[in-house]
Amino acid sequence: MPPTPQSPAPLQPQPPIPPHPITADPPEAIARPLLTQSWLDLTFLHWTVDPADVARLLPSGAVPDTLDGVTYVGLVAFRMHRVGWLRLPGVPYLGTFPETNVRLYSVDAHGRRGVVFRSLDASRLIPVAVGRLGFRMPYLWSRMDIRHDGDTVTYTSSRRWPGPRGARSRITVRTGERVEEPTELEHFLTARWGMHGAFFGRSMYLPNAHPRWPLHRAELVECDEDLVTAAGLPAPEGEPVSVLYSPGVPARFGRPARPAGIATP
C-alpha cells in the first residue's frame, strides 16, 4: 500500500517582537505624509496607572506599554495648528484649534510603541465631525481657550457634544528651564512614534514623525478636571508624576498599517 500522506503541521503563531527601544528621534522619516500638522503650546500631565486597569480599553492587537512595571495616563493640552492632507498646505482656520486629549500607552506584536486616545476634546465642530465619522476617533466638541500670562499658560475646556456634557478641565502651569537631557521616563511619555486605534472600523497603527521635542520643566499651578474619569479611567490619585511643557513641533503621519497579534510588554 502507498504511504498515507502526512497532514502538514499547523502553523505556529510567531512570538511577539520585543518593544522597540525608547528613542528621542523617530525610527524613520515619513517622506509622503498622509497628514501634516503642528502641535504648539503643549502641556503634558501624567499619572501612573495599573496596566490591568487599562488593558481592556486598548484596541485589538495592542497591550499596555510599561516602564518599570507601570503604565501611565496622560492629559495633554495644546494648540493644533494647520492640519493638512498629503502635501497640501495646512488649513489656517478649520485646521487650527485648541485640543485636550486623554491618552494611554500601547505596544503591539511588532514591537511598535504608540498611544491610544481615549478622548480628544477640540473646539472646531467640523474637524470633530470628520474625526468621528470619517476615522471613528473619539473626538468631542468643546468650548476651549488657551491664555498666556508671562510664564504661565492656562488651558480651559468644557464639553458640548456628544458628552458627557459639561466634562471639563482647567489646567494652569508655570513654565521653567529647558530640559537638556530628558530622563528615560520623559522620553517614554513624549517620544511616541505612532498611534494604535480603530480606523474605518479596523485596528490600525498610524506612524508619525517629528523633530526631537524641545521640553521644559513646568510647575502645576492648577488642575481641575474630570476628563480622565469621563474617558472611562480611574480618577488620578495625587499630583502628576510628570509635568512638562513644550513650545511644540511640526508632525507628519504616514499610512496606516494593520497590527498583527498581541504583544507582551
C-alpha atoms as a PDB file:
ATOM      1  CA  MET A   1       0.000   0.000   0.000  1.00  0.00           C
ATOM      2  CA  PRO A   2       1.264   3.503  -0.736  1.00  0.00           C
ATOM      3  CA  PRO A   3       2.192   5.521   2.318  1.00  0.00           C
ATOM      4  CA  THR A   4      -0.544   7.658   3.770  1.00  0.00           C
ATOM      5  CA  PRO A   5       0.154  11.326   3.070  1.00  0.00           C
ATOM      6  CA  GLN A   6       1.053  13.242   6.163  1.00  0.00           C
ATOM      7  CA  SER A   7      -1.009  16.314   7.012  1.00  0.00           C
ATOM      8  CA  PRO A   8       1.110  19.446   7.115  1.00  0.00           C
ATOM      9  CA  ALA A   9       1.983  20.602  10.579  1.00  0.00           C
ATOM     10  CA  PRO A  10      -0.193  23.501  11.719  1.00  0.00           C
ATOM     11  CA  LEU A  11       1.429  26.886  11.517  1.00  0.00           C
ATOM     12  CA  GLN A  12       2.613  28.097  14.865  1.00  0.00           C
ATOM     13  CA  PRO A  13       1.969  31.725  15.831  1.00  0.00           C
ATOM     14  CA  GLN A  14       5.079  33.851  15.717  1.00  0.00           C
ATOM     15  CA  PRO A  15       6.236  35.158  19.087  1.00  0.00           C
ATOM     16  CA  PRO A  16       5.866  38.914  19.525  1.00  0.00           C
ATOM     17  CA  ILE A  17       8.840  41.109  18.849  1.00  0.00           C
ATOM     18  CA  PRO A  18      10.137  42.862  21.994  1.00  0.00           C
ATOM     19  CA  PRO A  19       9.142  46.528  22.241  1.00  0.00           C
ATOM     20  CA  HIS A  20      11.349  48.801  20.185  1.00  0.00           C
ATOM     21  CA  PRO A  21      13.910  50.861  22.102  1.00  0.00           C
ATOM     22  CA  ILE A  22      12.732  54.189  23.506  1.00  0.00           C
ATOM     23  CA  THR A  23      14.312  56.836  21.276  1.00  0.00           C
ATOM     24  CA  ALA A  24      14.145  60.630  21.222  1.00  0.00           C
ATOM     25  CA  ASP A  25      14.089  60.649  17.420  1.00  0.00           C
ATOM     26  CA  PRO A  26      11.664  58.875  15.057  1.00  0.00           C
ATOM     27  CA  PRO A  27      12.812  55.475  13.766  1.00  0.00           C
ATOM     28  CA  GLU A  28      12.193  56.568  10.166  1.00  0.00           C
ATOM     29  CA  ALA A  29      11.254  59.634   8.172  1.00  0.00           C
ATOM     30  CA  ILE A  30       7.849  59.970   6.516  1.00  0.00           C
ATOM     31  CA  ALA A  31       8.563  61.249   3.017  1.00  0.00           C
ATOM     32  CA  ARG A  32       4.979  61.018   1.725  1.00  0.00           C
ATOM     33  CA  PRO A  33       2.696  62.038   4.599  1.00  0.00           C
ATOM     34  CA  LEU A  34      -0.983  61.257   4.842  1.00  0.00           C
ATOM     35  CA  LEU A  35      -1.480  64.145   7.289  1.00  0.00           C
ATOM     36  CA  THR A  36       0.603  67.132   8.368  1.00  0.00           C
ATOM     37  CA  GLN A  37       0.068  69.384  11.370  1.00  0.00           C
ATOM     38  CA  SER A  38       1.870  71.229  14.143  1.00  0.00           C
ATOM     39  CA  TRP A  39       1.361  70.800  17.879  1.00  0.00           C
ATOM     40  CA  LEU A  40       2.016  74.034  19.760  1.00  0.00           C
ATOM     41  CA  ASP A  41       1.992  75.246  23.397  1.00  0.00           C
ATOM     42  CA  LEU A  42       1.769  71.745  24.856  1.00  0.00           C
ATOM     43  CA  THR A  43       1.462  70.763  28.485  1.00  0.00           C
ATOM     44  CA  PHE A  44       1.889  67.082  29.394  1.00  0.00           C
ATOM     45  CA  LEU A  45       0.449  65.843  32.712  1.00  0.00           C
ATOM     46  CA  HIS A  46       0.947  62.186  33.635  1.00  0.00           C
ATOM     47  CA  TRP A  47      -0.154  59.862  36.413  1.00  0.00           C
ATOM     48  CA  THR A  48       0.739  56.213  36.974  1.00  0.00           C
ATOM     49  CA  VAL A  49      -1.953  53.608  36.422  1.00  0.00           C
ATOM     50  CA  ASP A  50      -2.078  49.834  36.839  1.00  0.00           C
ATOM     51  CA  PRO A  51      -1.765  48.109  33.431  1.00  0.00           C
ATOM     52  CA  ALA A  52      -4.634  45.797  34.418  1.00  0.00           C
ATOM     53  CA  ASP A  53      -6.934  48.808  34.737  1.00  0.00           C
ATOM     54  CA  VAL A  54      -6.370  49.964  31.155  1.00  0.00           C
ATOM     55  CA  ALA A  55      -5.794  46.772  29.141  1.00  0.00           C
ATOM     56  CA  ARG A  56      -9.500  46.408  28.340  1.00  0.00           C
ATOM     57  CA  LEU A  57      -9.560  49.953  26.925  1.00  0.00           C
ATOM     58  CA  LEU A  58      -6.967  49.303  24.206  1.00  0.00           C
ATOM     59  CA  PRO A  59      -7.813  48.259  20.633  1.00  0.00           C
ATOM     60  CA  SER A  60      -7.290  44.730  19.368  1.00  0.00           C
ATOM     61  CA  GLY A  61      -3.628  43.943  18.796  1.00  0.00           C
ATOM     62  CA  ALA A  62      -2.271  46.284  21.473  1.00  0.00           C
ATOM     63  CA  VAL A  63      -1.499  45.908  25.167  1.00  0.00           C
ATOM     64  CA  PRO A  64      -0.320  48.430  27.785  1.00  0.00           C
ATOM     65  CA  ASP A  65       3.244  49.635  27.297  1.00  0.00           C
ATOM     66  CA  THR A  66       5.034  49.673  30.642  1.00  0.00           C
ATOM     67  CA  LEU A  67       8.140  51.123  32.202  1.00  0.00           C
ATOM     68  CA  ASP A  68       9.339  49.502  35.425  1.00  0.00           C
ATOM     69  CA  GLY A  69       6.072  47.601  35.721  1.00  0.00           C
ATOM     70  CA  VAL A  70       3.644  50.512  35.452  1.00  0.00           C
ATOM     71  CA  THR A  71       1.942  52.396  32.675  1.00  0.00           C
ATOM     72  CA  TYR A  72       0.585  55.926  32.518  1.00  0.00           C
ATOM     73  CA  VAL A  73      -2.450  58.007  31.672  1.00  0.00           C
ATOM     74  CA  GLY A  74      -1.693  61.333  30.029  1.00  0.00           C
ATOM     75  CA  LEU A  75      -3.707  64.548  29.945  1.00  0.00           C
ATOM     76  CA  VAL A  76      -2.227  66.641  27.129  1.00  0.00           C
ATOM     77  CA  ALA A  77      -3.437  70.175  26.350  1.00  0.00           C
ATOM     78  CA  PHE A  78      -2.166  72.066  23.309  1.00  0.00           C
ATOM     79  CA  ARG A  79      -2.987  74.041  20.176  1.00  0.00           C
ATOM     80  CA  MET A  80      -3.408  72.144  16.931  1.00  0.00           C
ATOM     81  CA  HIS A  81      -2.049  74.252  14.058  1.00  0.00           C
ATOM     82  CA  ARG A  82      -2.737  73.998  10.321  1.00  0.00           C
ATOM     83  CA  VAL A  83      -3.871  70.422   9.815  1.00  0.00           C
ATOM     84  CA  GLY A  84      -3.265  69.467   6.182  1.00  0.00           C
ATOM     85  CA  TRP A  85      -3.748  66.484   3.853  1.00  0.00           C
ATOM     86  CA  LEU A  86      -0.931  64.910   1.859  1.00  0.00           C
ATOM     87  CA  ARG A  87       1.384  67.652   0.594  1.00  0.00           C
ATOM     88  CA  LEU A  88      -1.305  70.342   0.566  1.00  0.00           C
ATOM     89  CA  PRO A  89      -0.812  73.436   2.750  1.00  0.00           C
ATOM     90  CA  GLY A  90      -2.330  73.233   6.208  1.00  0.00           C
ATOM     91  CA  VAL A  91      -5.741  74.844   6.721  1.00  0.00           C
ATOM     92  CA  PRO A  92      -5.393  78.098   8.719  1.00  0.00           C
ATOM     93  CA  TYR A  93      -8.857  78.312  10.364  1.00  0.00           C
ATOM     94  CA  LEU A  94     -10.565  74.907  10.375  1.00  0.00           C
ATOM     95  CA  GLY A  95      -7.183  73.239  10.886  1.00  0.00           C
ATOM     96  CA  THR A  96      -6.173  75.403  13.862  1.00  0.00           C
ATOM     97  CA  PHE A  97      -7.822  74.986  17.277  1.00  0.00           C
ATOM     98  CA  PRO A  98      -7.198  74.142  20.954  1.00  0.00           C
ATOM     99  CA  GLU A  99      -7.297  70.454  21.861  1.00  0.00           C
ATOM    100  CA  THR A 100      -7.021  68.413  25.054  1.00  0.00           C
ATOM    101  CA  ASN A 101      -6.638  64.649  24.911  1.00  0.00           C
ATOM    102  CA  VAL A 102      -6.636  61.758  27.355  1.00  0.00           C
ATOM    103  CA  ARG A 103      -4.243  59.068  26.206  1.00  0.00           C
ATOM    104  CA  LEU A 104      -2.779  55.708  27.161  1.00  0.00           C
ATOM    105  CA  TYR A 105       0.456  53.979  26.142  1.00  0.00           C
ATOM    106  CA  SER A 106       0.472  50.868  23.993  1.00  0.00           C
ATOM    107  CA  VAL A 107       2.689  48.344  22.198  1.00  0.00           C
ATOM    108  CA  ASP A 108       1.868  45.688  19.590  1.00  0.00           C
ATOM    109  CA  ALA A 109       3.330  42.367  18.471  1.00  0.00           C
ATOM    110  CA  HIS A 110       5.649  44.148  16.022  1.00  0.00           C
ATOM    111  CA  GLY A 111       7.236  45.960  18.969  1.00  0.00           C
ATOM    112  CA  ARG A 112       5.778  49.289  17.849  1.00  0.00           C
ATOM    113  CA  ARG A 113       5.156  51.627  20.746  1.00  0.00           C
ATOM    114  CA  GLY A 114       2.298  54.078  20.430  1.00  0.00           C
ATOM    115  CA  VAL A 115      -0.509  55.935  22.106  1.00  0.00           C
ATOM    116  CA  VAL A 116      -4.220  55.193  22.341  1.00  0.00           C
ATOM    117  CA  PHE A 117      -6.567  58.151  22.574  1.00  0.00           C
ATOM    118  CA  ARG A 118      -9.497  57.739  24.919  1.00  0.00           C
ATOM    119  CA  SER A 119     -10.851  61.235  24.197  1.00  0.00           C
ATOM    120  CA  LEU A 120      -9.892  64.245  22.107  1.00  0.00           C
ATOM    121  CA  ASP A 121     -11.700  67.465  23.016  1.00  0.00           C
ATOM    122  CA  ALA A 122     -11.441  70.100  20.284  1.00  0.00           C
ATOM    123  CA  SER A 123     -13.076  73.473  19.681  1.00  0.00           C
ATOM    124  CA  ARG A 124     -13.853  73.179  15.930  1.00  0.00           C
ATOM    125  CA  LEU A 125     -17.057  71.287  15.116  1.00  0.00           C
ATOM    126  CA  ILE A 126     -16.168  70.344  11.521  1.00  0.00           C
ATOM    127  CA  PRO A 127     -12.831  68.649  12.408  1.00  0.00           C
ATOM    128  CA  VAL A 128     -14.626  66.893  15.286  1.00  0.00           C
ATOM    129  CA  ALA A 129     -17.307  65.577  12.914  1.00  0.00           C
ATOM    130  CA  VAL A 130     -14.692  64.474  10.346  1.00  0.00           C
ATOM    131  CA  GLY A 131     -12.640  62.734  13.050  1.00  0.00           C
ATOM    132  CA  ARG A 132     -15.664  60.924  14.481  1.00  0.00           C
ATOM    133  CA  LEU A 133     -17.466  59.974  11.269  1.00  0.00           C
ATOM    134  CA  GLY A 134     -14.537  59.550   8.903  1.00  0.00           C
ATOM    135  CA  PHE A 135     -11.941  57.958  11.187  1.00  0.00           C
ATOM    136  CA  ARG A 136     -14.027  56.690  14.141  1.00  0.00           C
ATOM    137  CA  MET A 137     -11.793  58.589  16.549  1.00  0.00           C
ATOM    138  CA  PRO A 138     -13.195  59.770  19.920  1.00  0.00           C
ATOM    139  CA  TYR A 139     -13.278  63.474  19.070  1.00  0.00           C
ATOM    140  CA  LEU A 140     -15.612  65.670  21.136  1.00  0.00           C
ATOM    141  CA  TRP A 141     -16.752  69.239  20.577  1.00  0.00           C
ATOM    142  CA  SER A 142     -15.872  71.580  23.460  1.00  0.00           C
ATOM    143  CA  ARG A 143     -15.576  75.236  24.347  1.00  0.00           C
ATOM    144  CA  MET A 144     -11.848  75.776  24.769  1.00  0.00           C
ATOM    145  CA  ASP A 145      -9.313  78.509  25.359  1.00  0.00           C
ATOM    146  CA  ILE A 146      -5.544  78.897  25.821  1.00  0.00           C
ATOM    147  CA  ARG A 147      -4.184  82.005  27.562  1.00  0.00           C
ATOM    148  CA  HIS A 148      -0.604  83.114  28.228  1.00  0.00           C
ATOM    149  CA  ASP A 149       0.301  85.423  31.105  1.00  0.00           C
ATOM    150  CA  GLY A 150       4.044  85.840  31.408  1.00  0.00           C
ATOM    151  CA  ASP A 151       5.486  82.408  32.137  1.00  0.00           C
ATOM    152  CA  THR A 152       2.098  80.811  32.905  1.00  0.00           C
ATOM    153  CA  VAL A 153      -0.247  79.087  30.467  1.00  0.00           C
ATOM    154  CA  THR A 154      -3.904  78.288  31.211  1.00  0.00           C
ATOM    155  CA  TYR A 155      -5.994  75.818  29.232  1.00  0.00           C
ATOM    156  CA  THR A 156      -9.769  75.590  29.717  1.00  0.00           C
ATOM    157  CA  SER A 157     -12.238  73.137  28.234  1.00  0.00           C
ATOM    158  CA  SER A 158     -15.971  72.475  28.689  1.00  0.00           C
ATOM    159  CA  ARG A 159     -17.585  69.730  26.636  1.00  0.00           C
ATOM    160  CA  ARG A 160     -20.551  70.457  24.367  1.00  0.00           C
ATOM    161  CA  TRP A 161     -21.189  67.296  22.337  1.00  0.00           C
ATOM    162  CA  PRO A 162     -21.674  64.387  22.373  1.00  0.00           C
ATOM    163  CA  GLY A 163     -20.969  64.026  26.073  1.00  0.00           C
ATOM    164  CA  PRO A 164     -20.855  63.596  28.898  1.00  0.00           C
ATOM    165  CA  ARG A 165     -21.906  67.246  28.569  1.00  0.00           C
ATOM    166  CA  GLY A 166     -20.018  69.555  30.892  1.00  0.00           C
ATOM    167  CA  ALA A 167     -16.942  67.316  31.240  1.00  0.00           C
ATOM    168  CA  ARG A 168     -14.247  69.909  31.833  1.00  0.00           C
ATOM    169  CA  SER A 169     -10.668  70.795  32.524  1.00  0.00           C
ATOM    170  CA  ARG A 170      -8.808  73.845  33.756  1.00  0.00           C
ATOM    171  CA  ILE A 171      -5.031  73.499  33.753  1.00  0.00           C
ATOM    172  CA  THR A 172      -2.503  76.196  34.620  1.00  0.00           C
ATOM    173  CA  VAL A 173       1.248  75.622  34.506  1.00  0.00           C
ATOM    174  CA  ARG A 174       4.277  77.824  35.053  1.00  0.00           C
ATOM    175  CA  THR A 175       6.975  77.036  32.544  1.00  0.00           C
ATOM    176  CA  GLY A 176      10.566  76.637  33.667  1.00  0.00           C
ATOM    177  CA  GLU A 177      14.030  75.778  32.402  1.00  0.00           C
ATOM    178  CA  ARG A 178      14.772  73.809  29.250  1.00  0.00           C
ATOM    179  CA  VAL A 179      15.319  70.082  29.748  1.00  0.00           C
ATOM    180  CA  GLU A 180      18.805  69.473  28.381  1.00  0.00           C
ATOM    181  CA  GLU A 181      18.803  65.700  28.839  1.00  0.00           C
ATOM    182  CA  PRO A 182      15.336  64.133  29.294  1.00  0.00           C
ATOM    183  CA  THR A 183      15.059  61.118  31.554  1.00  0.00           C
ATOM    184  CA  GLU A 184      14.030  57.687  30.279  1.00  0.00           C
ATOM    185  CA  LEU A 185      10.534  58.332  31.639  1.00  0.00           C
ATOM    186  CA  GLU A 186      10.283  61.699  29.872  1.00  0.00           C
ATOM    187  CA  HIS A 187      11.258  60.075  26.577  1.00  0.00           C
ATOM    188  CA  PHE A 188       8.807  57.218  27.236  1.00  0.00           C
ATOM    189  CA  LEU A 189       5.922  59.668  27.743  1.00  0.00           C
ATOM    190  CA  THR A 190       6.630  62.068  24.883  1.00  0.00           C
ATOM    191  CA  ALA A 191       8.616  60.301  22.140  1.00  0.00           C
ATOM    192  CA  ARG A 192       5.821  58.112  20.784  1.00  0.00           C
ATOM    193  CA  TRP A 193       6.137  57.336  17.098  1.00  0.00           C
ATOM    194  CA  GLY A 194       2.646  56.144  16.283  1.00  0.00           C
ATOM    195  CA  MET A 195      -0.879  55.567  17.492  1.00  0.00           C
ATOM    196  CA  HIS A 196      -2.970  52.439  17.829  1.00  0.00           C
ATOM    197  CA  GLY A 197      -6.647  52.774  17.059  1.00  0.00           C
ATOM    198  CA  ALA A 198      -9.614  51.584  15.049  1.00  0.00           C
ATOM    199  CA  PHE A 199      -9.627  53.420  11.726  1.00  0.00           C
ATOM    200  CA  PHE A 200     -12.514  52.759   9.344  1.00  0.00           C
ATOM    201  CA  GLY A 201     -13.656  50.038  11.747  1.00  0.00           C
ATOM    202  CA  ARG A 202     -10.352  48.100  11.683  1.00  0.00           C
ATOM    203  CA  SER A 203      -7.498  48.048  14.164  1.00  0.00           C
ATOM    204  CA  MET A 204      -4.593  50.010  12.717  1.00  0.00           C
ATOM    205  CA  TYR A 205      -1.237  51.510  13.597  1.00  0.00           C
ATOM    206  CA  LEU A 206      -0.631  55.042  12.283  1.00  0.00           C
ATOM    207  CA  PRO A 207       3.067  56.063  12.329  1.00  0.00           C
ATOM    208  CA  ASN A 208       4.208  59.643  12.897  1.00  0.00           C
ATOM    209  CA  ALA A 209       7.474  61.558  12.831  1.00  0.00           C
ATOM    210  CA  HIS A 210       8.582  64.939  14.113  1.00  0.00           C
ATOM    211  CA  PRO A 211      11.732  66.705  15.317  1.00  0.00           C
ATOM    212  CA  ARG A 212      13.016  65.993  18.803  1.00  0.00           C
ATOM    213  CA  TRP A 213      10.797  67.576  21.434  1.00  0.00           C
ATOM    214  CA  PRO A 214      12.025  70.857  22.980  1.00  0.00           C
ATOM    215  CA  LEU A 215      10.916  70.135  26.560  1.00  0.00           C
ATOM    216  CA  HIS A 216      10.753  72.394  29.607  1.00  0.00           C
ATOM    217  CA  ARG A 217      10.174  71.596  33.248  1.00  0.00           C
ATOM    218  CA  ALA A 218       6.861  73.010  34.432  1.00  0.00           C
ATOM    219  CA  GLU A 219       5.137  73.634  37.746  1.00  0.00           C
ATOM    220  CA  LEU A 220       1.483  72.683  38.026  1.00  0.00           C
ATOM    221  CA  VAL A 221      -0.370  75.703  39.422  1.00  0.00           C
ATOM    222  CA  GLU A 222      -3.927  74.399  38.980  1.00  0.00           C
ATOM    223  CA  CYS A 223      -5.573  71.229  37.709  1.00  0.00           C
ATOM    224  CA  ASP A 224      -9.351  70.914  37.970  1.00  0.00           C
ATOM    225  CA  GLU A 225     -10.562  68.263  35.566  1.00  0.00           C
ATOM    226  CA  ASP A 226     -12.827  65.285  35.101  1.00  0.00           C
ATOM    227  CA  LEU A 227     -11.834  64.347  31.547  1.00  0.00           C
ATOM    228  CA  VAL A 228      -9.853  61.321  32.755  1.00  0.00           C
ATOM    229  CA  THR A 229     -12.820  59.707  34.502  1.00  0.00           C
ATOM    230  CA  ALA A 230     -15.136  60.719  31.630  1.00  0.00           C
ATOM    231  CA  ALA A 231     -12.807  58.666  29.397  1.00  0.00           C
ATOM    232  CA  GLY A 232     -13.533  55.541  31.471  1.00  0.00           C
ATOM    233  CA  LEU A 233     -10.344  55.579  33.547  1.00  0.00           C
ATOM    234  CA  PRO A 234      -9.820  55.582  37.313  1.00  0.00           C
ATOM    235  CA  ALA A 235      -9.586  59.051  38.837  1.00  0.00           C
ATOM    236  CA  PRO A 236      -5.942  60.181  39.066  1.00  0.00           C
ATOM    237  CA  GLU A 237      -4.510  59.873  42.571  1.00  0.00           C
ATOM    238  CA  GLY A 238      -2.409  62.708  43.943  1.00  0.00           C
ATOM    239  CA  GLU A 239      -0.204  65.046  41.984  1.00  0.00           C
ATOM    240  CA  PRO A 240       1.033  64.121  38.488  1.00  0.00           C
ATOM    241  CA  VAL A 241       4.345  62.252  38.453  1.00  0.00           C
ATOM    242  CA  SER A 242       5.456  64.291  35.434  1.00  0.00           C
ATOM    243  CA  VAL A 243       4.648  67.860  34.331  1.00  0.00           C
ATOM    244  CA  LEU A 244       6.283  69.075  31.110  1.00  0.00           C
ATOM    245  CA  TYR A 245       5.796  71.936  28.673  1.00  0.00           C
ATOM    246  CA  SER A 246       6.875  72.264  25.040  1.00  0.00           C
ATOM    247  CA  PRO A 247       6.549  75.160  22.581  1.00  0.00           C
ATOM    248  CA  GLY A 248       5.831  72.471  20.011  1.00  0.00           C
ATOM    249  CA  VAL A 249       6.874  70.634  16.858  1.00  0.00           C
ATOM    250  CA  PRO A 250       5.640  70.060  13.288  1.00  0.00           C
ATOM    251  CA  ALA A 251       4.478  66.489  12.718  1.00  0.00           C
ATOM    252  CA  ARG A 252       3.764  64.100   9.846  1.00  0.00           C
ATOM    253  CA  PHE A 253       1.585  60.983   9.836  1.00  0.00           C
ATOM    254  CA  GLY A 254       2.222  58.072   7.476  1.00  0.00           C
ATOM    255  CA  ARG A 255      -0.074  55.450   6.012  1.00  0.00           C
ATOM    256  CA  PRO A 256      -1.881  53.151   8.457  1.00  0.00           C
ATOM    257  CA  ALA A 257      -0.789  49.528   8.868  1.00  0.00           C
ATOM    258  CA  ARG A 258      -2.560  46.582  10.461  1.00  0.00           C
ATOM    259  CA  PRO A 259      -1.180  45.431  13.834  1.00  0.00           C
ATOM    260  CA  ALA A 260      -0.660  41.661  13.977  1.00  0.00           C
ATOM    261  CA  GLY A 261      -1.249  39.634  17.110  1.00  0.00           C
ATOM    262  CA  ILE A 262      -0.939  40.574  20.729  1.00  0.00           C
ATOM    263  CA  ALA A 263       2.253  41.827  22.281  1.00  0.00           C
ATOM    264  CA  THR A 264       3.653  41.187  25.694  1.00  0.00           C
ATOM    265  CA  PRO A 265       5.453  44.221  27.167  1.00  0.00           C
END
